[in-house]
């Protein structure tokens, strides 16, 4: 599925397409980027698929703060969604170095290359690797990742992530949906 627009207007359809693909393909895990919990909640209430919500790292957008409230975290946990808040694997410390010293560094180049397929594709790869590194999904097993281009979700992929330490062993098997980039 290719969407005509980028962003939040595609969230419900992206979630529905991802759930449908997971059930059809026997995928047991969906990793979803959700900074305020809304997209993650759309995936709840199924017993066959584990949902992992990856938030922005603490300190975004404001130093020392978490974008997702404790109340939302508790609500998500209460409906069986696991939450991961950690440094983003495709930016993190390297972005701090590039801001301080200028220039482009290897991980930023990887991120920009993935953005050639859309911001949501970059997010999907990033959160899948983060969830694997955190031990929330099994190694070597295809999962579905859902990401977006700002608010909401507009991209879903079937991916077998590898650890950050073996980044290039990550395999994108299928694009379920994404915005057309015309």
C-alpha atoms as a PDB file:
ATOM      1  CA  UNK A   1       0.000   0.000   0.000  1.00  0.00           C
ATOM      2  CA  UNK A   2       1.333   3.416  -0.925  1.00  0.00           C
ATOM      3  CA  UNK A   3      -0.238   6.430   0.750  1.00  0.00           C
ATOM      4  CA  UNK A   4      -0.708   9.727  -1.076  1.00  0.00           C
ATOM      5  CA  UNK A   5       0.266  11.751   1.998  1.00  0.00           C
ATOM      6  CA  UNK A   6       2.805  11.538   4.794  1.00  0.00           C
ATOM      7  CA  UNK A   7       1.876  11.374   8.446  1.00  0.00           C
ATOM      8  CA  UNK A   8      -0.918  11.032  10.946  1.00  0.00           C
ATOM      9  CA  UNK A   9      -3.799  10.641   8.468  1.00  0.00           C
ATOM     10  CA  UNK A  10      -2.472   7.144   7.700  1.00  0.00           C
ATOM     11  CA  UNK A  11      -2.179   5.911  11.286  1.00  0.00           C
ATOM     12  CA  UNK A  12      -5.366   3.829  11.560  1.00  0.00           C
ATOM     13  CA  UNK A  13      -4.825   2.173   8.191  1.00  0.00           C
ATOM     14  CA  UNK A  14      -1.145   1.522   8.939  1.00  0.00           C
ATOM     15  CA  UNK A  15      -2.062  -0.155  12.239  1.00  0.00           C
ATOM     16  CA  UNK A  16      -4.792  -2.235  10.576  1.00  0.00           C
ATOM     17  CA  UNK A  17      -2.503  -3.311   7.722  1.00  0.00           C
ATOM     18  CA  UNK A  18       0.261  -4.241  10.163  1.00  0.00           C
ATOM     19  CA  UNK A  19      -2.073  -6.333  12.339  1.00  0.00           C
ATOM     20  CA  UNK A  20      -3.518  -8.051   9.268  1.00  0.00           C
ATOM     21  CA  UNK A  21      -0.031  -8.861   7.950  1.00  0.00           C
ATOM     22  CA  UNK A  22       1.092 -10.155  11.345  1.00  0.00           C
ATOM     23  CA  UNK A  23      -1.855 -12.530  11.580  1.00  0.00           C
ATOM     24  CA  UNK A  24      -1.485 -13.712   7.962  1.00  0.00           C
ATOM     25  CA  UNK A  25       2.266 -14.277   8.277  1.00  0.00           C
ATOM     26  CA  UNK A  26       2.292 -15.668  11.805  1.00  0.00           C
ATOM     27  CA  UNK A  27       4.441 -12.788  13.074  1.00  0.00           C
ATOM     28  CA  UNK A  28       4.380 -12.713  16.862  1.00  0.00           C
ATOM     29  CA  UNK A  29       5.841  -9.259  17.558  1.00  0.00           C
ATOM     30  CA  UNK A  30       5.015  -5.723  16.478  1.00  0.00           C
ATOM     31  CA  UNK A  31       7.381  -2.928  17.453  1.00  0.00           C
ATOM     32  CA  UNK A  32       5.761   0.496  17.152  1.00  0.00           C
ATOM     33  CA  UNK A  33       7.124   4.010  17.497  1.00  0.00           C
ATOM     34  CA  UNK A  34       4.734   5.976  19.662  1.00  0.00           C
ATOM     35  CA  UNK A  35       5.751   9.046  21.613  1.00  0.00           C
ATOM     36  CA  UNK A  36       2.376   9.643  23.265  1.00  0.00           C
ATOM     37  CA  UNK A  37       0.906   6.130  23.130  1.00  0.00           C
ATOM     38  CA  UNK A  38      -1.921   6.728  20.648  1.00  0.00           C
ATOM     39  CA  UNK A  39      -0.520   4.556  17.852  1.00  0.00           C
ATOM     40  CA  UNK A  40       0.429   1.789  20.291  1.00  0.00           C
ATOM     41  CA  UNK A  41      -3.117   1.719  21.718  1.00  0.00           C
ATOM     42  CA  UNK A  42      -4.510   0.988  18.243  1.00  0.00           C
ATOM     43  CA  UNK A  43      -2.653  -2.333  18.290  1.00  0.00           C
ATOM     44  CA  UNK A  44      -3.864  -3.495  21.720  1.00  0.00           C
ATOM     45  CA  UNK A  45      -6.458  -6.094  22.574  1.00  0.00           C
ATOM     46  CA  UNK A  46      -5.112  -9.078  20.737  1.00  0.00           C
ATOM     47  CA  UNK A  47      -3.715 -12.166  22.386  1.00  0.00           C
ATOM     48  CA  UNK A  48      -1.618 -13.458  19.512  1.00  0.00           C
ATOM     49  CA  UNK A  49       0.875 -10.613  19.077  1.00  0.00           C
ATOM     50  CA  UNK A  50       3.231  -8.982  21.567  1.00  0.00           C
ATOM     51  CA  UNK A  51       3.289  -5.196  21.179  1.00  0.00           C
ATOM     52  CA  UNK A  52       6.394  -3.199  22.070  1.00  0.00           C
ATOM     53  CA  UNK A  53       6.070   0.600  22.121  1.00  0.00           C
ATOM     54  CA  UNK A  54       9.311   2.498  21.513  1.00  0.00           C
ATOM     55  CA  UNK A  55       9.221   6.096  22.727  1.00  0.00           C
ATOM     56  CA  UNK A  56      11.550   8.995  22.129  1.00  0.00           C
ATOM     57  CA  UNK A  57      14.577   8.906  24.403  1.00  0.00           C
ATOM     58  CA  UNK A  58      14.405  10.798  27.669  1.00  0.00           C
ATOM     59  CA  UNK A  59      15.595  14.337  27.090  1.00  0.00           C
ATOM     60  CA  UNK A  60      13.542  14.816  23.937  1.00  0.00           C
ATOM     61  CA  UNK A  61      12.266  17.401  23.320  1.00  0.00           C
ATOM     62  CA  UNK A  62      13.408  18.870  26.656  1.00  0.00           C
ATOM     63  CA  UNK A  63      16.474  17.930  28.686  1.00  0.00           C
ATOM     64  CA  UNK A  64      15.660  15.829  31.716  1.00  0.00           C
ATOM     65  CA  UNK A  65      12.058  15.149  30.658  1.00  0.00           C
ATOM     66  CA  UNK A  66      10.162  12.255  29.131  1.00  0.00           C
ATOM     67  CA  UNK A  67       7.677  13.012  26.388  1.00  0.00           C
ATOM     68  CA  UNK A  68       5.403  10.144  27.471  1.00  0.00           C
ATOM     69  CA  UNK A  69       3.673  10.738  30.780  1.00  0.00           C
ATOM     70  CA  UNK A  70       3.763   8.192  33.572  1.00  0.00           C
ATOM     71  CA  UNK A  71      -0.040   7.941  33.324  1.00  0.00           C
ATOM     72  CA  UNK A  72       0.153   6.857  29.661  1.00  0.00           C
ATOM     73  CA  UNK A  73       2.960   4.422  30.477  1.00  0.00           C
ATOM     74  CA  UNK A  74       0.806   2.806  33.145  1.00  0.00           C
ATOM     75  CA  UNK A  75      -2.187   2.691  30.804  1.00  0.00           C
ATOM     76  CA  UNK A  76      -0.143   0.963  28.093  1.00  0.00           C
ATOM     77  CA  UNK A  77       1.334  -1.526  30.547  1.00  0.00           C
ATOM     78  CA  UNK A  78      -2.176  -2.200  31.838  1.00  0.00           C
ATOM     79  CA  UNK A  79      -3.289  -3.320  28.366  1.00  0.00           C
ATOM     80  CA  UNK A  80      -0.240  -5.541  27.910  1.00  0.00           C
ATOM     81  CA  UNK A  81       2.020  -3.264  25.875  1.00  0.00           C
ATOM     82  CA  UNK A  82       5.721  -3.251  26.751  1.00  0.00           C
ATOM     83  CA  UNK A  83       7.473   0.133  26.656  1.00  0.00           C
ATOM     84  CA  UNK A  84      11.053   0.852  25.629  1.00  0.00           C
ATOM     85  CA  UNK A  85      12.617   4.251  26.250  1.00  0.00           C
ATOM     86  CA  UNK A  86      16.305   4.386  25.405  1.00  0.00           C
ATOM     87  CA  UNK A  87      18.908   6.086  23.234  1.00  0.00           C
ATOM     88  CA  UNK A  88      18.055   5.959  19.549  1.00  0.00           C
ATOM     89  CA  UNK A  89      20.407   3.634  17.760  1.00  0.00           C
ATOM     90  CA  UNK A  90      20.620   5.723  14.565  1.00  0.00           C
ATOM     91  CA  UNK A  91      21.399   9.017  16.267  1.00  0.00           C
ATOM     92  CA  UNK A  92      22.170   9.044  19.975  1.00  0.00           C
ATOM     93  CA  UNK A  93      25.709  10.019  20.949  1.00  0.00           C
ATOM     94  CA  UNK A  94      26.863  10.350  17.345  1.00  0.00           C
ATOM     95  CA  UNK A  95      24.414  13.212  16.746  1.00  0.00           C
ATOM     96  CA  UNK A  96      25.892  14.996  19.743  1.00  0.00           C
ATOM     97  CA  UNK A  97      29.368  14.627  18.257  1.00  0.00           C
ATOM     98  CA  UNK A  98      28.303  15.935  14.853  1.00  0.00           C
ATOM     99  CA  UNK A  99      26.571  18.920  16.468  1.00  0.00           C
ATOM    100  CA  UNK A 100      29.658  19.737  18.499  1.00  0.00           C
ATOM    101  CA  UNK A 101      32.271  19.238  15.790  1.00  0.00           C
ATOM    102  CA  UNK A 102      30.380  19.443  12.496  1.00  0.00           C
ATOM    103  CA  UNK A 103      30.477  16.900   9.727  1.00  0.00           C
ATOM    104  CA  UNK A 104      28.699  13.656   9.058  1.00  0.00           C
ATOM    105  CA  UNK A 105      29.419  10.429  10.859  1.00  0.00           C
ATOM    106  CA  UNK A 106      28.738   6.829   9.745  1.00  0.00           C
ATOM    107  CA  UNK A 107      25.532   6.197  11.693  1.00  0.00           C
ATOM    108  CA  UNK A 108      24.056   9.481  10.478  1.00  0.00           C
ATOM    109  CA  UNK A 109      24.870   8.414   6.927  1.00  0.00           C
ATOM    110  CA  UNK A 110      23.017   5.127   7.504  1.00  0.00           C
ATOM    111  CA  UNK A 111      20.008   7.059   8.847  1.00  0.00           C
ATOM    112  CA  UNK A 112      19.987   9.463   5.901  1.00  0.00           C
ATOM    113  CA  UNK A 113      20.284   6.556   3.460  1.00  0.00           C
ATOM    114  CA  UNK A 114      17.256   4.833   5.006  1.00  0.00           C
ATOM    115  CA  UNK A 115      15.339   8.114   4.728  1.00  0.00           C
ATOM    116  CA  UNK A 116      15.626   7.742   0.950  1.00  0.00           C
ATOM    117  CA  UNK A 117      12.769   5.250   1.444  1.00  0.00           C
ATOM    118  CA  UNK A 118      11.022   7.683   3.800  1.00  0.00           C
ATOM    119  CA  UNK A 119      11.369   8.831   7.403  1.00  0.00           C
ATOM    120  CA  UNK A 120       9.043   6.043   8.538  1.00  0.00           C
ATOM    121  CA  UNK A 121      11.317   3.369   7.053  1.00  0.00           C
ATOM    122  CA  UNK A 122      14.285   4.784   8.969  1.00  0.00           C
ATOM    123  CA  UNK A 123      12.212   4.782  12.162  1.00  0.00           C
ATOM    124  CA  UNK A 124      11.102   1.168  11.589  1.00  0.00           C
ATOM    125  CA  UNK A 125      14.669  -0.077  11.198  1.00  0.00           C
ATOM    126  CA  UNK A 126      15.828   1.932  14.200  1.00  0.00           C
ATOM    127  CA  UNK A 127      13.129   0.793  16.634  1.00  0.00           C
ATOM    128  CA  UNK A 128      13.418  -2.845  15.555  1.00  0.00           C
ATOM    129  CA  UNK A 129      17.141  -2.833  16.351  1.00  0.00           C
ATOM    130  CA  UNK A 130      16.507  -1.013  19.642  1.00  0.00           C
ATOM    131  CA  UNK A 131      13.892  -3.588  20.701  1.00  0.00           C
ATOM    132  CA  UNK A 132      16.237  -6.445  19.824  1.00  0.00           C
ATOM    133  CA  UNK A 133      19.139  -4.888  21.729  1.00  0.00           C
ATOM    134  CA  UNK A 134      16.831  -4.457  24.743  1.00  0.00           C
ATOM    135  CA  UNK A 135      15.881  -8.152  24.644  1.00  0.00           C
ATOM    136  CA  UNK A 136      12.199  -7.450  23.974  1.00  0.00           C
ATOM    137  CA  UNK A 137      12.047  -9.446  20.729  1.00  0.00           C
ATOM    138  CA  UNK A 138      13.849 -12.653  19.758  1.00  0.00           C
ATOM    139  CA  UNK A 139      16.988 -12.688  17.639  1.00  0.00           C
ATOM    140  CA  UNK A 140      16.674 -14.025  14.093  1.00  0.00           C
ATOM    141  CA  UNK A 141      12.880 -13.832  13.903  1.00  0.00           C
ATOM    142  CA  UNK A 142      10.917 -11.601  11.524  1.00  0.00           C
ATOM    143  CA  UNK A 143       8.824  -8.956  13.229  1.00  0.00           C
ATOM    144  CA  UNK A 144       6.703  -6.062  12.046  1.00  0.00           C
ATOM    145  CA  UNK A 145       7.860  -2.526  12.748  1.00  0.00           C
ATOM    146  CA  UNK A 146       5.653   0.561  12.504  1.00  0.00           C
ATOM    147  CA  UNK A 147       7.032   4.078  12.221  1.00  0.00           C
ATOM    148  CA  UNK A 148       6.095   7.468  10.965  1.00  0.00           C
ATOM    149  CA  UNK A 149       7.079  10.858   9.731  1.00  0.00           C
ATOM    150  CA  UNK A 150       6.478  13.046  12.754  1.00  0.00           C
ATOM    151  CA  UNK A 151       3.111  12.383  14.395  1.00  0.00           C
ATOM    152  CA  UNK A 152       1.209   9.166  13.817  1.00  0.00           C
ATOM    153  CA  UNK A 153       2.291   6.220  11.702  1.00  0.00           C
ATOM    154  CA  UNK A 154       2.557   5.885   7.945  1.00  0.00           C
ATOM    155  CA  UNK A 155       5.010   3.019   7.438  1.00  0.00           C
ATOM    156  CA  UNK A 156       5.014  -0.675   8.345  1.00  0.00           C
ATOM    157  CA  UNK A 157       7.603  -3.259   7.340  1.00  0.00           C
ATOM    158  CA  UNK A 158       8.416  -6.906   7.922  1.00  0.00           C
ATOM    159  CA  UNK A 159      11.996  -6.958   9.183  1.00  0.00           C
ATOM    160  CA  UNK A 160      14.467  -9.278  10.846  1.00  0.00           C
ATOM    161  CA  UNK A 161      16.625  -6.875  12.828  1.00  0.00           C
ATOM    162  CA  UNK A 162      20.151  -7.568  13.887  1.00  0.00           C
ATOM    163  CA  UNK A 163      21.864  -6.011  16.871  1.00  0.00           C
ATOM    164  CA  UNK A 164      23.359  -2.529  16.593  1.00  0.00           C
ATOM    165  CA  UNK A 165      26.776  -4.186  16.654  1.00  0.00           C
ATOM    166  CA  UNK A 166      25.864  -6.086  13.451  1.00  0.00           C
ATOM    167  CA  UNK A 167      23.606  -3.423  11.907  1.00  0.00           C
ATOM    168  CA  UNK A 168      24.170  -4.465   8.296  1.00  0.00           C
ATOM    169  CA  UNK A 169      22.850  -7.976   8.943  1.00  0.00           C
ATOM    170  CA  UNK A 170      19.374  -6.455   9.372  1.00  0.00           C
ATOM    171  CA  UNK A 171      17.005  -7.590   6.615  1.00  0.00           C
ATOM    172  CA  UNK A 172      13.934  -5.720   5.398  1.00  0.00           C
ATOM    173  CA  UNK A 173      11.743  -8.438   3.895  1.00  0.00           C
ATOM    174  CA  UNK A 174       8.656  -6.528   2.894  1.00  0.00           C
ATOM    175  CA  UNK A 175       7.176  -3.060   2.914  1.00  0.00           C
ATOM    176  CA  UNK A 176       3.557  -3.389   4.058  1.00  0.00           C
ATOM    177  CA  UNK A 177       2.791   0.301   3.580  1.00  0.00           C
ATOM    178  CA  UNK A 178       4.538   3.631   3.260  1.00  0.00           C
ATOM    179  CA  UNK A 179       3.946   7.058   1.771  1.00  0.00           C
ATOM    180  CA  UNK A 180       4.686   7.509  -1.900  1.00  0.00           C
ATOM    181  CA  UNK A 181       7.554   9.953  -2.147  1.00  0.00           C
ATOM    182  CA  UNK A 182       6.534  11.801  -5.312  1.00  0.00           C
END
